[in-house]
Amino acid sequence: MTTAREIMTEGAECIGAEEPVLLAARKMTEMGVGALPICGTEDKLKGAPTDRDIVIKVLGAGKDPASTHTGELAQGEAVTIGADGDATEIMRTMAAHKVRRLPVIDGHRLVGMVAQADVARALPDPQVGDLQEALSTD
């Protein structure tokens, strides 16, 4: 079965938890991505806020993106997938947590990102529909 390491986009960058949300938004824009992992001490992953999180939790809440730290967007433990996790495990994790992107870790080190589209290309058609349905329902 296809693993996360085989389908992920390599070279994912982190942003520090103390960096401003405005910098995270700029990095997302420059990189053309919709999520940017937050790394804390010792490069331990703290979360992966999305562009939607920035809009709703910062801009929509009237917070200043230049003075709000990205760490404030981290919620509990980061949802990740191990680099050797297979496509079915990725699908289950995405569906269970209602996320469309997963940071891929090897140990505790970020090695890439896997998106819903990556999984869709790796799964048979019926399973792709199941993932889409699971992510689209509340």
N, C-alpha and C. Protein backbone atom coordinates (compact mmCIF):
# COMPACT_ATOMS: atom_id res chain seq x y z
N MET A 1 0.85 -1.18 0.00
CA MET A 1 0.00 0.00 0.00
C MET A 1 0.89 1.24 0.00
N THR A 2 0.41 2.28 -0.59
CA THR A 2 1.11 3.55 -0.70
C THR A 2 1.24 4.21 0.68
N THR A 3 2.44 4.75 0.97
CA THR A 3 2.67 5.39 2.26
C THR A 3 2.63 6.91 2.13
N ALA A 4 2.50 7.57 3.28
CA ALA A 4 2.50 9.03 3.31
C ALA A 4 3.78 9.58 2.69
N ARG A 5 4.89 8.94 2.98
CA ARG A 5 6.18 9.40 2.45
C ARG A 5 6.19 9.42 0.91
N GLU A 6 5.47 8.48 0.32
CA GLU A 6 5.44 8.36 -1.14
C GLU A 6 4.54 9.40 -1.80
N ILE A 7 3.52 9.87 -1.11
CA ILE A 7 2.57 10.78 -1.75
C ILE A 7 2.63 12.21 -1.22
N MET A 8 3.40 12.43 -0.16
CA MET A 8 3.46 13.77 0.45
C MET A 8 4.21 14.76 -0.43
N THR A 9 3.99 16.02 -0.13
CA THR A 9 4.80 17.08 -0.71
C THR A 9 5.92 17.33 0.27
N GLU A 10 7.15 17.16 -0.21
CA GLU A 10 8.31 17.34 0.66
C GLU A 10 8.63 18.82 0.84
N GLY A 11 9.50 19.08 1.79
CA GLY A 11 10.00 20.44 1.97
C GLY A 11 9.04 21.36 2.69
N ALA A 12 8.12 20.79 3.46
CA ALA A 12 7.19 21.64 4.22
C ALA A 12 7.99 22.49 5.20
N GLU A 13 7.61 23.74 5.30
CA GLU A 13 8.29 24.66 6.21
C GLU A 13 7.44 24.85 7.45
N CYS A 14 8.10 25.16 8.54
CA CYS A 14 7.43 25.49 9.79
C CYS A 14 7.53 26.99 10.03
N ILE A 15 6.66 27.45 10.88
CA ILE A 15 6.78 28.81 11.39
C ILE A 15 6.85 28.67 12.91
N GLY A 16 7.61 29.52 13.53
CA GLY A 16 7.75 29.47 14.98
C GLY A 16 6.47 29.89 15.68
N ALA A 17 6.23 29.32 16.85
CA ALA A 17 5.03 29.62 17.62
C ALA A 17 4.97 31.08 18.05
N GLU A 18 6.11 31.73 18.16
CA GLU A 18 6.15 33.13 18.60
C GLU A 18 6.13 34.12 17.43
N GLU A 19 6.12 33.61 16.22
CA GLU A 19 6.09 34.49 15.04
C GLU A 19 4.67 35.04 14.85
N PRO A 20 4.56 36.23 14.27
CA PRO A 20 3.22 36.81 14.08
C PRO A 20 2.43 36.09 12.98
N VAL A 21 1.13 36.08 13.16
CA VAL A 21 0.23 35.47 12.18
C VAL A 21 0.40 36.13 10.81
N LEU A 22 0.70 37.42 10.80
CA LEU A 22 0.91 38.12 9.54
C LEU A 22 2.04 37.49 8.73
N LEU A 23 3.13 37.10 9.41
CA LEU A 23 4.23 36.42 8.73
C LEU A 23 3.78 35.06 8.19
N ALA A 24 2.98 34.34 8.98
CA ALA A 24 2.46 33.05 8.52
C ALA A 24 1.63 33.23 7.25
N ALA A 25 0.78 34.25 7.23
CA ALA A 25 -0.05 34.52 6.05
C ALA A 25 0.81 34.85 4.84
N ARG A 26 1.84 35.64 5.05
CA ARG A 26 2.75 35.98 3.94
C ARG A 26 3.47 34.74 3.41
N LYS A 27 3.94 33.90 4.33
CA LYS A 27 4.61 32.67 3.90
C LYS A 27 3.65 31.76 3.12
N MET A 28 2.42 31.65 3.59
CA MET A 28 1.43 30.83 2.89
C MET A 28 1.21 31.36 1.48
N THR A 29 1.14 32.66 1.37
CA THR A 29 0.93 33.29 0.06
C THR A 29 2.11 33.01 -0.86
N GLU A 30 3.32 33.24 -0.36
CA GLU A 30 4.53 33.02 -1.17
C GLU A 30 4.67 31.57 -1.61
N MET A 31 4.32 30.63 -0.70
CA MET A 31 4.48 29.21 -0.99
C MET A 31 3.28 28.62 -1.73
N GLY A 32 2.17 29.37 -1.78
CA GLY A 32 0.98 28.87 -2.45
C GLY A 32 0.35 27.70 -1.72
N VAL A 33 0.34 27.76 -0.37
CA VAL A 33 -0.22 26.68 0.44
C VAL A 33 -1.35 27.20 1.31
N GLY A 34 -2.19 26.30 1.79
CA GLY A 34 -3.32 26.69 2.61
C GLY A 34 -3.15 26.37 4.08
N ALA A 35 -2.01 25.78 4.45
CA ALA A 35 -1.73 25.47 5.86
C ALA A 35 -0.23 25.58 6.07
N LEU A 36 0.13 25.99 7.27
CA LEU A 36 1.54 26.16 7.59
C LEU A 36 1.79 25.61 8.99
N PRO A 37 2.55 24.54 9.11
CA PRO A 37 2.80 23.95 10.42
C PRO A 37 3.51 24.92 11.37
N ILE A 38 3.15 24.83 12.65
CA ILE A 38 3.80 25.62 13.69
C ILE A 38 4.74 24.68 14.43
N CYS A 39 6.00 25.10 14.52
CA CYS A 39 6.97 24.31 15.25
C CYS A 39 7.38 25.05 16.51
N GLY A 40 7.38 24.32 17.59
CA GLY A 40 7.79 24.89 18.87
C GLY A 40 9.24 24.54 19.15
N THR A 41 9.55 24.38 20.42
CA THR A 41 10.92 24.05 20.81
C THR A 41 11.32 22.70 20.25
N GLU A 42 12.57 22.59 19.90
CA GLU A 42 13.14 21.37 19.35
C GLU A 42 12.39 20.88 18.10
N ASP A 43 11.84 21.82 17.33
CA ASP A 43 11.10 21.51 16.11
C ASP A 43 9.92 20.58 16.32
N LYS A 44 9.39 20.54 17.54
CA LYS A 44 8.20 19.71 17.81
C LYS A 44 6.97 20.42 17.25
N LEU A 45 6.21 19.69 16.46
CA LEU A 45 5.03 20.23 15.80
C LEU A 45 3.95 20.56 16.81
N LYS A 46 3.40 21.79 16.73
CA LYS A 46 2.37 22.24 17.66
C LYS A 46 1.00 22.35 17.00
N GLY A 47 0.96 22.38 15.69
CA GLY A 47 -0.29 22.52 14.98
C GLY A 47 -0.03 22.89 13.53
N ALA A 48 -1.09 23.02 12.78
CA ALA A 48 -0.97 23.41 11.37
C ALA A 48 -2.19 24.25 10.99
N PRO A 49 -2.19 25.51 11.42
CA PRO A 49 -3.35 26.35 11.10
C PRO A 49 -3.48 26.58 9.60
N THR A 50 -4.70 26.77 9.18
CA THR A 50 -5.01 26.99 7.78
C THR A 50 -5.28 28.47 7.51
N ASP A 51 -5.38 28.78 6.24
CA ASP A 51 -5.73 30.15 5.86
C ASP A 51 -7.10 30.51 6.44
N ARG A 52 -7.99 29.54 6.50
CA ARG A 52 -9.32 29.76 7.09
C ARG A 52 -9.21 30.08 8.58
N ASP A 53 -8.33 29.40 9.29
CA ASP A 53 -8.11 29.70 10.72
C ASP A 53 -7.68 31.15 10.91
N ILE A 54 -6.81 31.62 10.04
CA ILE A 54 -6.34 33.00 10.14
C ILE A 54 -7.50 33.97 9.93
N VAL A 55 -8.31 33.71 8.93
CA VAL A 55 -9.43 34.60 8.65
C VAL A 55 -10.44 34.61 9.80
N ILE A 56 -10.82 33.43 10.27
CA ILE A 56 -11.87 33.35 11.28
C ILE A 56 -11.37 33.70 12.69
N LYS A 57 -10.24 33.11 13.08
CA LYS A 57 -9.79 33.26 14.47
C LYS A 57 -8.97 34.52 14.74
N VAL A 58 -8.48 35.13 13.67
CA VAL A 58 -7.71 36.36 13.87
C VAL A 58 -8.47 37.54 13.28
N LEU A 59 -8.61 37.58 11.98
CA LEU A 59 -9.25 38.72 11.33
C LEU A 59 -10.72 38.85 11.75
N GLY A 60 -11.45 37.76 11.68
CA GLY A 60 -12.87 37.79 12.04
C GLY A 60 -13.12 38.11 13.51
N ALA A 61 -12.14 37.80 14.34
CA ALA A 61 -12.27 38.08 15.77
C ALA A 61 -11.73 39.48 16.12
N GLY A 62 -11.31 40.23 15.10
CA GLY A 62 -10.83 41.59 15.33
C GLY A 62 -9.44 41.68 15.93
N LYS A 63 -8.66 40.59 15.84
CA LYS A 63 -7.30 40.60 16.37
C LYS A 63 -6.34 41.17 15.34
N ASP A 64 -5.24 41.69 15.80
CA ASP A 64 -4.21 42.24 14.93
C ASP A 64 -3.27 41.12 14.50
N PRO A 65 -3.20 40.79 13.20
CA PRO A 65 -2.35 39.70 12.74
C PRO A 65 -0.85 39.99 12.93
N ALA A 66 -0.50 41.26 13.10
CA ALA A 66 0.91 41.61 13.30
C ALA A 66 1.35 41.37 14.75
N SER A 67 0.39 41.34 15.68
CA SER A 67 0.77 41.14 17.07
C SER A 67 0.25 39.82 17.66
N THR A 68 -0.54 39.08 16.90
CA THR A 68 -1.03 37.78 17.35
C THR A 68 -0.01 36.72 16.96
N HIS A 69 0.40 35.90 17.92
CA HIS A 69 1.39 34.85 17.65
C HIS A 69 0.72 33.63 17.01
N THR A 70 1.43 32.99 16.10
CA THR A 70 0.88 31.79 15.45
C THR A 70 0.57 30.70 16.45
N GLY A 71 1.32 30.63 17.54
CA GLY A 71 1.07 29.63 18.57
C GLY A 71 -0.33 29.71 19.15
N GLU A 72 -0.95 30.89 19.07
CA GLU A 72 -2.31 31.06 19.57
C GLU A 72 -3.32 30.30 18.71
N LEU A 73 -2.93 29.92 17.51
CA LEU A 73 -3.83 29.18 16.62
C LEU A 73 -3.73 27.67 16.80
N ALA A 74 -2.70 27.23 17.54
CA ALA A 74 -2.54 25.80 17.79
C ALA A 74 -3.59 25.36 18.80
N GLN A 75 -4.26 24.26 18.49
CA GLN A 75 -5.32 23.76 19.37
C GLN A 75 -4.99 22.35 19.81
N GLY A 76 -4.59 22.20 21.06
CA GLY A 76 -4.30 20.86 21.57
C GLY A 76 -3.14 20.22 20.82
N GLU A 77 -3.18 18.92 20.76
CA GLU A 77 -2.13 18.17 20.09
C GLU A 77 -2.33 18.20 18.58
N ALA A 78 -1.25 18.35 17.85
CA ALA A 78 -1.32 18.42 16.39
C ALA A 78 -1.76 17.06 15.83
N VAL A 79 -2.62 17.12 14.83
CA VAL A 79 -3.04 15.91 14.12
C VAL A 79 -2.02 15.69 13.01
N THR A 80 -1.36 14.54 13.05
CA THR A 80 -0.31 14.23 12.08
C THR A 80 -0.46 12.80 11.58
N ILE A 81 0.39 12.45 10.64
CA ILE A 81 0.49 11.07 10.17
C ILE A 81 1.97 10.73 10.12
N GLY A 82 2.30 9.53 10.52
CA GLY A 82 3.69 9.07 10.41
C GLY A 82 4.06 8.86 8.95
N ALA A 83 5.31 9.04 8.64
CA ALA A 83 5.77 8.92 7.26
C ALA A 83 5.49 7.55 6.65
N ASP A 84 5.42 6.52 7.50
CA ASP A 84 5.17 5.18 6.99
C ASP A 84 3.70 4.77 7.07
N GLY A 85 2.82 5.71 7.48
CA GLY A 85 1.39 5.44 7.50
C GLY A 85 0.88 5.25 6.07
N ASP A 86 -0.03 4.30 5.90
CA ASP A 86 -0.53 4.04 4.54
C ASP A 86 -1.72 4.94 4.20
N ALA A 87 -2.11 4.91 2.95
CA ALA A 87 -3.18 5.80 2.46
C ALA A 87 -4.49 5.58 3.20
N THR A 88 -4.79 4.34 3.58
CA THR A 88 -6.01 4.07 4.32
C THR A 88 -5.96 4.72 5.70
N GLU A 89 -4.80 4.64 6.36
CA GLU A 89 -4.64 5.27 7.67
C GLU A 89 -4.75 6.80 7.54
N ILE A 90 -4.19 7.34 6.49
CA ILE A 90 -4.29 8.79 6.24
C ILE A 90 -5.77 9.17 6.09
N MET A 91 -6.49 8.38 5.30
CA MET A 91 -7.90 8.65 5.07
C MET A 91 -8.69 8.60 6.38
N ARG A 92 -8.43 7.59 7.20
CA ARG A 92 -9.13 7.47 8.49
C ARG A 92 -8.82 8.67 9.39
N THR A 93 -7.57 9.09 9.42
CA THR A 93 -7.16 10.21 10.28
C THR A 93 -7.81 11.50 9.80
N MET A 94 -7.79 11.74 8.50
CA MET A 94 -8.43 12.94 7.95
C MET A 94 -9.92 12.96 8.27
N ALA A 95 -10.57 11.82 8.07
CA ALA A 95 -12.02 11.74 8.30
C ALA A 95 -12.34 11.92 9.78
N ALA A 96 -11.58 11.28 10.65
CA ALA A 96 -11.86 11.36 12.09
C ALA A 96 -11.68 12.77 12.64
N HIS A 97 -10.72 13.50 12.08
CA HIS A 97 -10.41 14.84 12.59
C HIS A 97 -10.95 15.96 11.70
N LYS A 98 -11.61 15.57 10.60
CA LYS A 98 -12.19 16.55 9.67
C LYS A 98 -11.14 17.55 9.17
N VAL A 99 -10.00 17.02 8.72
CA VAL A 99 -8.94 17.87 8.18
C VAL A 99 -8.63 17.43 6.75
N ARG A 100 -8.23 18.38 5.94
CA ARG A 100 -7.93 18.11 4.54
C ARG A 100 -6.42 18.06 4.26
N ARG A 101 -5.63 18.40 5.27
CA ARG A 101 -4.18 18.37 5.14
C ARG A 101 -3.59 17.80 6.42
N LEU A 102 -2.56 16.98 6.27
CA LEU A 102 -1.89 16.41 7.44
C LEU A 102 -0.39 16.63 7.34
N PRO A 103 0.21 17.14 8.40
CA PRO A 103 1.67 17.17 8.44
C PRO A 103 2.17 15.72 8.55
N VAL A 104 3.23 15.42 7.83
CA VAL A 104 3.83 14.09 7.86
C VAL A 104 5.09 14.19 8.71
N ILE A 105 5.17 13.31 9.72
CA ILE A 105 6.32 13.36 10.62
C ILE A 105 7.10 12.05 10.58
N ASP A 106 8.38 12.17 10.82
CA ASP A 106 9.26 11.02 10.98
C ASP A 106 9.89 11.21 12.35
N GLY A 107 9.47 10.41 13.32
CA GLY A 107 9.81 10.68 14.72
C GLY A 107 8.95 11.84 15.16
N HIS A 108 9.56 12.97 15.48
CA HIS A 108 8.78 14.19 15.75
C HIS A 108 9.12 15.29 14.76
N ARG A 109 9.95 14.95 13.76
CA ARG A 109 10.40 15.93 12.77
C ARG A 109 9.48 15.98 11.56
N LEU A 110 9.07 17.19 11.19
CA LEU A 110 8.23 17.40 10.02
C LEU A 110 9.03 17.09 8.76
N VAL A 111 8.47 16.23 7.90
CA VAL A 111 9.15 15.88 6.66
C VAL A 111 8.33 16.22 5.42
N GLY A 112 7.05 16.57 5.61
CA GLY A 112 6.22 16.91 4.46
C GLY A 112 4.78 17.14 4.87
N MET A 113 3.95 17.37 3.85
CA MET A 113 2.51 17.55 4.05
C MET A 113 1.80 16.66 3.04
N VAL A 114 0.70 16.07 3.48
CA VAL A 114 -0.13 15.29 2.57
C VAL A 114 -1.52 15.92 2.57
N ALA A 115 -2.03 16.15 1.39
CA ALA A 115 -3.34 16.79 1.23
C ALA A 115 -4.37 15.78 0.76
N GLN A 116 -5.62 16.16 0.89
CA GLN A 116 -6.72 15.31 0.46
C GLN A 116 -6.52 14.88 -0.99
N ALA A 117 -6.08 15.77 -1.84
CA ALA A 117 -5.89 15.44 -3.26
C ALA A 117 -4.81 14.37 -3.44
N ASP A 118 -3.77 14.41 -2.60
CA ASP A 118 -2.70 13.40 -2.67
C ASP A 118 -3.27 12.02 -2.36
N VAL A 119 -4.11 11.96 -1.33
CA VAL A 119 -4.72 10.70 -0.93
C VAL A 119 -5.68 10.21 -2.01
N ALA A 120 -6.43 11.12 -2.58
CA ALA A 120 -7.40 10.76 -3.62
C ALA A 120 -6.70 10.10 -4.81
N ARG A 121 -5.53 10.59 -5.14
CA ARG A 121 -4.79 9.98 -6.26
C ARG A 121 -4.26 8.60 -5.91
N ALA A 122 -4.07 8.31 -4.61
CA ALA A 122 -3.48 7.04 -4.19
C ALA A 122 -4.51 5.96 -3.87
N LEU A 123 -5.78 6.34 -3.76
CA LEU A 123 -6.82 5.39 -3.37
C LEU A 123 -7.70 5.00 -4.55
N PRO A 124 -8.33 3.81 -4.48
CA PRO A 124 -9.32 3.44 -5.50
C PRO A 124 -10.52 4.39 -5.41
N ASP A 125 -11.20 4.59 -6.51
CA ASP A 125 -12.32 5.53 -6.59
C ASP A 125 -13.36 5.43 -5.49
N PRO A 126 -13.85 4.24 -5.11
CA PRO A 126 -14.88 4.20 -4.06
C PRO A 126 -14.40 4.79 -2.73
N GLN A 127 -13.14 4.56 -2.38
CA GLN A 127 -12.60 5.09 -1.13
C GLN A 127 -12.44 6.61 -1.20
N VAL A 128 -12.15 7.13 -2.36
CA VAL A 128 -12.04 8.58 -2.52
C VAL A 128 -13.38 9.23 -2.21
N GLY A 129 -14.43 8.64 -2.70
CA GLY A 129 -15.78 9.16 -2.41
C GLY A 129 -16.09 9.10 -0.93
N ASP A 130 -15.68 8.03 -0.26
CA ASP A 130 -15.90 7.90 1.18
C ASP A 130 -15.16 9.01 1.94
N LEU A 131 -13.92 9.30 1.52
CA LEU A 131 -13.16 10.37 2.18
C LEU A 131 -13.82 11.71 1.96
N GLN A 132 -14.22 12.00 0.74
CA GLN A 132 -14.88 13.27 0.43
C GLN A 132 -16.15 13.43 1.26
N GLU A 133 -16.92 12.36 1.35
CA GLU A 133 -18.16 12.42 2.13
C GLU A 133 -17.88 12.66 3.61
N ALA A 134 -16.88 11.98 4.15
CA ALA A 134 -16.55 12.12 5.57
C ALA A 134 -16.07 13.53 5.89
N LEU A 135 -15.34 14.14 4.99
CA LEU A 135 -14.83 15.49 5.23
C LEU A 135 -15.89 16.56 5.00
N SER A 136 -16.93 16.22 4.27
CA SER A 136 -17.96 17.21 3.93
C SER A 136 -19.13 17.24 4.91
N THR A 137 -19.20 16.24 5.78
CA THR A 137 -20.33 16.20 6.73
C THR A 137 -19.89 16.75 8.08
N ASP A 138 -20.83 17.26 8.83
CA ASP A 138 -20.53 17.78 10.17
C ASP A 138 -20.55 16.72 11.22
